[in-house]
């Protein structure tokens, strides 16, 4: 924990929530989109390779032998510093491409701004942060779209390219594969503490702003074919989606899961978002919690913003937190 940074404007106070914790709860979202898949378009020369069916991280079409990866992600302020918020939101949007095994090539900004309540110099800092992270990723930023909105929001729509024979998909898991996690958990509870108290957590900011590029490339180099990223639905939520799509069960060694410094203290002190509690409620019918304590359950369901990759395979430098086994009575079993 570092001392509170003095800021003129606390951006988190202009939002009802923060970051990916503002996602529509997964159970409600699945009800909304149920039945909205369509048959392949007649006469199309860009077949849909990955769509809505498995709830994967991005959509993928094939065109002239290449896979085109498309995604969009935006959210309300997760930290008070506008530049950091821009960096985090961009890294989070780019992550969906990395989670599919792709390389981002073009992004456009998505900005909602309360023009009568917040000065535009702060919006410029948000956009500058996004541009810097996209530049780090080697991804062009070609403009975007903005609206006047009572609540500030920022993110990107991103297009990437990939090898259609070497995608990372959430439906490609199989029994016997280990599970690796490339970033520690606890981002959500630390962000919630920051929103309430103004305390600044450098370890959380650094984790959120870090690209998942190297982890994605390492997974592809290892011949891995199954992955997802861990964001607003928490580790348990995204793991449930992966094992459901792959028709397997995951066994998680809770003692092997890494956490950011201060995360357990934040849970103990009550800085748990409503999104995290909704995540836990959603996965509970599908999870064998064993004797896992209440705080650990909340951390495993913690709504992450720009979290790491959850990979069905071993990624150098990332802890192995469990394995996939043949499908059982639960999606996830905690040990």
Protein backbone atom coordinates (compact mmCIF):
# COMPACT_ATOMS: atom_id res chain seq x y z
CA UNK A 1 0.00 0.00 0.00
CA UNK A 2 1.26 3.48 -0.82
CA UNK A 3 0.14 6.83 0.59
CA UNK A 4 -2.91 8.41 -0.99
CA UNK A 5 -1.99 10.45 -4.08
CA UNK A 6 -3.43 13.93 -4.03
CA UNK A 7 -5.64 14.43 -7.08
CA UNK A 8 -7.83 17.36 -8.04
CA UNK A 9 -10.56 15.10 -9.41
CA UNK A 10 -11.35 11.58 -8.23
CA UNK A 11 -12.65 9.94 -11.37
CA UNK A 12 -13.91 6.85 -9.54
CA UNK A 13 -16.46 9.03 -7.75
CA UNK A 14 -18.18 9.79 -11.05
CA UNK A 15 -19.10 6.14 -11.62
CA UNK A 16 -21.58 3.83 -9.91
CA UNK A 17 -19.01 1.02 -10.06
CA UNK A 18 -15.55 0.52 -11.47
CA UNK A 19 -13.83 -1.39 -14.24
CA UNK A 20 -14.99 -4.85 -15.23
CA UNK A 21 -17.00 -5.12 -12.00
CA UNK A 22 -19.58 -3.07 -13.93
CA UNK A 23 -20.27 -5.89 -16.36
CA UNK A 24 -23.83 -7.17 -16.60
CA UNK A 25 -23.88 -10.30 -14.39
CA UNK A 26 -23.04 -13.42 -16.41
CA UNK A 27 -26.29 -15.24 -15.72
CA UNK A 28 -28.39 -12.24 -16.75
CA UNK A 29 -26.26 -11.65 -19.85
CA UNK A 30 -26.66 -15.24 -21.01
CA UNK A 31 -30.43 -14.88 -20.77
CA UNK A 32 -30.29 -11.71 -22.88
CA UNK A 33 -28.24 -13.22 -25.71
CA UNK A 34 -29.86 -16.66 -25.70
CA UNK A 35 -31.04 -17.59 -29.17
CA UNK A 36 -29.33 -14.67 -30.91
CA UNK A 37 -26.96 -16.84 -32.93
CA UNK A 38 -27.67 -16.99 -36.65
CA UNK A 39 -26.91 -19.59 -39.35
CA UNK A 40 -23.89 -19.00 -41.61
CA UNK A 41 -24.40 -16.17 -44.06
CA UNK A 42 -25.18 -17.44 -47.54
CA UNK A 43 -22.51 -16.65 -50.09
CA UNK A 44 -20.15 -15.08 -47.55
CA UNK A 45 -16.40 -15.29 -48.16
CA UNK A 46 -15.57 -14.62 -44.48
CA UNK A 47 -16.82 -17.66 -42.51
CA UNK A 48 -17.45 -17.12 -38.80
CA UNK A 49 -14.95 -19.32 -36.98
CA UNK A 50 -15.72 -18.22 -33.39
CA UNK A 51 -18.98 -16.54 -32.47
CA UNK A 52 -21.40 -16.27 -29.59
CA UNK A 53 -21.99 -19.97 -28.99
CA UNK A 54 -19.21 -20.66 -26.47
CA UNK A 55 -18.92 -17.17 -24.95
CA UNK A 56 -15.30 -16.84 -26.04
CA UNK A 57 -13.23 -13.67 -25.67
CA UNK A 58 -13.58 -12.35 -29.22
CA UNK A 59 -15.22 -13.09 -32.54
CA UNK A 60 -13.14 -14.62 -35.32
CA UNK A 61 -13.74 -14.78 -39.05
CA UNK A 62 -11.47 -16.24 -41.70
CA UNK A 63 -10.56 -14.29 -44.82
CA UNK A 64 -8.07 -15.32 -47.49
CA UNK A 65 -6.40 -17.80 -45.18
CA UNK A 66 -6.07 -15.47 -42.19
CA UNK A 67 -8.10 -15.24 -39.00
CA UNK A 68 -9.50 -11.78 -38.24
CA UNK A 69 -10.12 -11.27 -34.51
CA UNK A 70 -12.64 -8.59 -33.44
CA UNK A 71 -13.55 -7.37 -29.96
CA UNK A 72 -14.65 -4.32 -27.97
CA UNK A 73 -14.30 -3.50 -24.30
CA UNK A 74 -14.92 -0.36 -22.26
CA UNK A 75 -15.77 0.52 -18.67
CA UNK A 76 -16.12 3.21 -16.04
CA UNK A 77 -13.05 4.55 -14.16
CA UNK A 78 -11.24 1.89 -12.19
CA UNK A 79 -8.64 4.31 -10.76
CA UNK A 80 -8.63 8.05 -10.18
CA UNK A 81 -5.61 8.88 -12.34
CA UNK A 82 -6.87 9.48 -15.92
CA UNK A 83 -3.66 8.39 -17.63
CA UNK A 84 -3.55 5.14 -15.67
CA UNK A 85 -7.22 4.50 -16.42
CA UNK A 86 -6.50 4.89 -20.13
CA UNK A 87 -3.57 2.48 -19.96
CA UNK A 88 -5.60 -0.10 -18.05
CA UNK A 89 -8.63 0.12 -20.34
CA UNK A 90 -6.47 -0.28 -23.44
CA UNK A 91 -4.58 -3.26 -22.01
CA UNK A 92 -7.91 -4.83 -21.07
CA UNK A 93 -9.36 -4.39 -24.58
CA UNK A 94 -6.21 -5.70 -26.27
CA UNK A 95 -6.27 -8.71 -23.95
CA UNK A 96 -9.24 -10.25 -25.77
CA UNK A 97 -7.13 -10.53 -28.92
CA UNK A 98 -4.22 -12.05 -27.00
CA UNK A 99 -6.63 -14.49 -25.32
CA UNK A 100 -7.52 -15.81 -28.78
CA UNK A 101 -3.88 -16.19 -29.79
CA UNK A 102 -3.98 -13.13 -32.01
CA UNK A 103 -1.92 -9.99 -32.60
CA UNK A 104 -3.76 -6.65 -32.36
CA UNK A 105 -3.24 -4.44 -35.39
CA UNK A 106 -5.88 -1.69 -35.23
CA UNK A 107 -7.90 -0.09 -32.44
CA UNK A 108 -10.43 2.72 -32.29
CA UNK A 109 -11.27 4.59 -29.11
CA UNK A 110 -14.66 4.41 -27.39
CA UNK A 111 -15.18 7.42 -25.11
CA UNK A 112 -18.17 8.56 -23.09
CA UNK A 113 -17.63 11.85 -21.27
CA UNK A 114 -19.74 14.11 -19.01
CA UNK A 115 -18.65 17.27 -20.80
CA UNK A 116 -20.42 19.61 -18.35
CA UNK A 117 -18.90 17.96 -15.26
CA UNK A 118 -15.36 16.94 -16.16
CA UNK A 119 -12.74 18.98 -18.05
CA UNK A 120 -11.55 17.71 -21.41
CA UNK A 121 -7.91 17.83 -20.35
CA UNK A 122 -8.69 14.75 -18.26
CA UNK A 123 -10.22 13.04 -21.28
CA UNK A 124 -7.05 13.82 -23.22
CA UNK A 125 -5.00 12.09 -20.51
CA UNK A 126 -7.25 9.04 -20.71
CA UNK A 127 -6.76 8.87 -24.48
CA UNK A 128 -3.02 9.42 -24.11
CA UNK A 129 -2.79 6.47 -21.74
CA UNK A 130 -4.67 4.28 -24.19
CA UNK A 131 -2.48 5.40 -27.07
CA UNK A 132 0.72 4.65 -25.16
CA UNK A 133 -0.32 1.10 -24.34
CA UNK A 134 -1.55 0.44 -27.89
CA UNK A 135 1.78 1.75 -29.18
CA UNK A 136 3.60 -0.61 -26.81
CA UNK A 137 1.53 -3.42 -28.32
CA UNK A 138 2.41 -2.37 -31.87
CA UNK A 139 -1.25 -1.61 -32.56
CA UNK A 140 -2.44 1.39 -34.57
CA UNK A 141 -5.06 3.70 -33.05
CA UNK A 142 -7.16 5.16 -35.85
CA UNK A 143 -9.60 7.53 -34.18
CA UNK A 144 -12.82 6.34 -32.57
CA UNK A 145 -16.19 7.50 -31.33
CA UNK A 146 -17.33 9.71 -28.45
CA UNK A 147 -20.64 10.60 -26.80
CA UNK A 148 -21.76 13.01 -24.11
CA UNK A 149 -22.65 10.77 -21.16
CA UNK A 150 -23.44 11.43 -17.47
CA UNK A 151 -20.86 8.79 -16.53
CA UNK A 152 -17.30 8.60 -17.94
CA UNK A 153 -16.43 5.40 -19.82
CA UNK A 154 -13.44 4.47 -21.95
CA UNK A 155 -12.20 1.52 -23.92
CA UNK A 156 -11.41 0.33 -27.42
CA UNK A 157 -12.72 -1.74 -30.28
CA UNK A 158 -9.78 -3.83 -31.48
CA UNK A 159 -9.08 -5.83 -34.60
CA UNK A 160 -6.32 -8.43 -34.65
CA UNK A 161 -4.93 -11.16 -36.88
CA UNK A 162 -4.11 -14.77 -36.09
CA UNK A 163 -3.32 -18.12 -37.65
CA UNK A 164 -6.68 -19.93 -37.90
CA UNK A 165 -4.90 -23.23 -37.23
CA UNK A 166 -3.27 -21.90 -34.04
CA UNK A 167 -6.02 -20.12 -32.16
CA UNK A 168 -6.47 -20.15 -28.39
CA UNK A 169 -10.10 -21.09 -27.75
CA UNK A 170 -12.16 -21.71 -24.64
CA UNK A 171 -13.67 -24.89 -26.08
CA UNK A 172 -10.36 -26.68 -26.77
CA UNK A 173 -9.64 -28.00 -23.26
CA UNK A 174 -9.21 -31.72 -22.67
CA UNK A 175 -8.64 -33.96 -19.65
CA UNK A 176 -5.07 -34.17 -18.40
CA UNK A 177 -4.07 -30.60 -19.20
CA UNK A 178 -2.69 -28.42 -16.38
CA UNK A 179 -4.15 -24.98 -15.71
CA UNK A 180 -1.83 -21.95 -15.59
CA UNK A 181 -2.71 -18.41 -14.45
CA UNK A 182 -0.49 -15.60 -15.70
CA UNK A 183 -1.49 -12.75 -13.36
CA UNK A 184 -2.38 -12.80 -9.65
CA UNK A 185 -5.93 -12.25 -8.42
CA UNK A 186 -7.18 -9.52 -6.11
CA UNK A 187 -7.43 -6.62 -8.54
CA UNK A 188 -11.13 -6.13 -7.88
CA UNK A 189 -11.01 -5.82 -4.10
CA UNK A 190 -8.00 -3.48 -4.26
CA UNK A 191 -9.76 -1.31 -6.83
CA UNK A 192 -12.84 -1.21 -4.64
CA UNK A 193 -10.72 -0.16 -1.67
CA UNK A 194 -9.15 2.56 -3.82
CA UNK A 195 -12.60 3.84 -4.83
CA UNK A 196 -13.74 4.06 -1.22
CA UNK A 197 -10.59 5.31 0.51
CA UNK A 198 -8.43 6.91 -2.18
CA UNK A 199 -5.50 4.63 -1.32
CA UNK A 200 -3.34 3.93 -4.37
CA UNK A 201 -2.14 0.38 -5.01
CA UNK A 202 0.82 0.45 -7.37
CA UNK A 203 0.94 -3.35 -7.61
CA UNK A 204 -2.64 -3.46 -8.88
CA UNK A 205 -2.07 -0.66 -11.41
CA UNK A 206 1.08 -2.33 -12.76
CA UNK A 207 -0.72 -5.64 -13.09
CA UNK A 208 -3.71 -4.15 -14.91
CA UNK A 209 -1.59 -2.07 -17.30
CA UNK A 210 0.62 -5.02 -18.26
CA UNK A 211 -0.09 -6.56 -21.67
CA UNK A 212 -0.94 -10.25 -21.99
CA UNK A 213 1.15 -10.36 -25.17
CA UNK A 214 4.09 -12.35 -23.81
CA UNK A 215 1.83 -14.91 -22.11
CA UNK A 216 -0.13 -15.39 -25.34
CA UNK A 217 3.00 -15.83 -27.41
CA UNK A 218 4.43 -18.28 -24.88
CA UNK A 219 1.22 -20.32 -24.96
CA UNK A 220 1.29 -20.49 -28.75
CA UNK A 221 4.98 -21.43 -28.76
CA UNK A 222 4.18 -24.30 -26.39
CA UNK A 223 1.51 -25.62 -28.77
CA UNK A 224 -1.34 -24.72 -26.41
CA UNK A 225 -4.80 -24.40 -27.96
CA UNK A 226 -7.10 -23.52 -25.01
CA UNK A 227 -7.17 -20.26 -23.04
CA UNK A 228 -9.31 -17.39 -21.88
CA UNK A 229 -8.62 -14.19 -19.99
CA UNK A 230 -9.79 -13.48 -16.44
CA UNK A 231 -11.79 -10.27 -16.21
CA UNK A 232 -15.18 -9.26 -14.85
CA UNK A 233 -16.59 -12.73 -14.16
CA UNK A 234 -13.65 -13.66 -11.93
CA UNK A 235 -11.46 -16.75 -12.09
CA UNK A 236 -14.34 -19.07 -11.20
CA UNK A 237 -16.71 -17.51 -13.73
CA UNK A 238 -14.30 -17.64 -16.66
CA UNK A 239 -13.13 -21.11 -15.67
CA UNK A 240 -16.74 -22.29 -15.56
CA UNK A 241 -17.27 -20.97 -19.09
CA UNK A 242 -14.09 -22.70 -20.31
CA UNK A 243 -14.87 -26.11 -18.86
CA UNK A 244 -18.51 -25.91 -19.95
CA UNK A 245 -17.44 -25.15 -23.53
CA UNK A 246 -14.83 -27.95 -23.42
CA UNK A 247 -17.08 -30.50 -21.64
CA UNK A 248 -14.54 -31.15 -18.88
CA UNK A 249 -14.19 -30.41 -15.14
CA UNK A 250 -11.49 -28.28 -13.54
CA UNK A 251 -9.82 -29.20 -10.26
CA UNK A 252 -8.23 -26.11 -8.65
CA UNK A 253 -5.54 -26.21 -5.98
CA UNK A 254 -6.56 -23.13 -4.01
CA UNK A 255 -3.19 -22.97 -2.25
CA UNK A 256 -1.44 -22.54 -5.62
CA UNK A 257 -3.50 -19.53 -6.76
CA UNK A 258 -1.45 -16.28 -6.58
CA UNK A 259 -2.84 -13.06 -5.07
CA UNK A 260 -1.70 -9.45 -5.05
CA UNK A 261 -0.31 -8.06 -1.82
CA UNK A 262 -3.13 -6.59 0.23
CA UNK A 263 -5.90 -8.56 -1.48
CA UNK A 264 -6.78 -10.75 1.50
CA UNK A 265 -6.75 -7.74 3.80
CA UNK A 266 -9.13 -5.92 1.44
CA UNK A 267 -11.57 -8.84 1.57
CA UNK A 268 -11.25 -9.05 5.34
CA UNK A 269 -12.04 -5.33 5.61
CA UNK A 270 -15.15 -5.66 3.44
CA UNK A 271 -14.06 -4.09 0.13
CA UNK A 272 -15.94 -6.59 -2.02
CA UNK A 273 -17.93 -5.35 -5.01
CA UNK A 274 -21.46 -6.37 -5.84
CA UNK A 275 -20.12 -7.79 -9.12
CA UNK A 276 -17.89 -10.20 -7.22
CA UNK A 277 -20.76 -11.39 -5.06
CA UNK A 278 -22.92 -11.90 -8.15
CA UNK A 279 -20.11 -13.90 -9.75
CA UNK A 280 -19.94 -16.18 -6.74
CA UNK A 281 -23.71 -16.63 -6.73
CA UNK A 282 -23.64 -17.58 -10.43
CA UNK A 283 -20.94 -20.25 -10.13
CA UNK A 284 -22.07 -21.70 -6.79
CA UNK A 285 -24.46 -24.32 -8.28
CA UNK A 286 -21.65 -25.56 -10.54
CA UNK A 287 -18.81 -25.59 -7.98
CA UNK A 288 -17.75 -28.05 -5.30
CA UNK A 289 -16.19 -25.67 -2.76
CA UNK A 290 -15.08 -28.39 -0.34
CA UNK A 291 -13.79 -26.74 2.83
CA UNK A 292 -12.64 -23.54 1.08
CA UNK A 293 -13.16 -20.58 3.43
CA UNK A 294 -15.50 -17.69 2.63
CA UNK A 295 -12.76 -15.12 1.94
CA UNK A 296 -10.98 -17.40 -0.52
CA UNK A 297 -14.25 -18.07 -2.34
CA UNK A 298 -14.74 -14.33 -2.78
CA UNK A 299 -11.19 -13.88 -4.07
CA UNK A 300 -11.63 -16.69 -6.57
CA UNK A 301 -14.79 -14.94 -7.83
CA UNK A 302 -13.27 -11.43 -7.58
CA UNK A 303 -14.19 -9.29 -10.60
CA UNK A 304 -10.84 -8.63 -12.25
CA UNK A 305 -10.04 -5.76 -14.59
CA UNK A 306 -7.36 -6.54 -17.18
CA UNK A 307 -6.47 -9.81 -15.46
CA UNK A 308 -4.21 -12.50 -16.78
CA UNK A 309 -4.67 -15.45 -19.09
CA UNK A 310 -6.08 -18.72 -17.80
CA UNK A 311 -4.35 -21.32 -19.95
CA UNK A 312 -4.95 -25.05 -20.37
CA UNK A 313 -1.26 -25.91 -20.50
CA UNK A 314 2.01 -24.90 -18.86
CA UNK A 315 3.23 -21.37 -19.53
CA UNK A 316 6.83 -20.64 -18.47
CA UNK A 317 6.90 -18.47 -15.35
CA UNK A 318 3.20 -18.83 -14.57
CA UNK A 319 1.99 -20.92 -11.62
CA UNK A 320 0.05 -24.10 -12.31
CA UNK A 321 -3.14 -23.82 -10.26
CA UNK A 322 -4.93 -27.03 -11.18
CA UNK A 323 -5.83 -29.39 -14.00
CA UNK A 324 -8.63 -30.45 -16.31
CA UNK A 325 -10.20 -33.85 -15.71
CA UNK A 326 -13.07 -35.80 -17.32
CA UNK A 327 -16.46 -34.19 -16.87
CA UNK A 328 -18.01 -34.83 -13.46
CA UNK A 329 -20.98 -33.61 -11.49
CA UNK A 330 -19.48 -30.12 -11.05
CA UNK A 331 -17.77 -27.73 -13.44
CA UNK A 332 -15.15 -26.78 -10.86
CA UNK A 333 -13.83 -28.62 -7.83
CA UNK A 334 -11.76 -26.74 -5.23
CA UNK A 335 -9.11 -28.61 -3.26
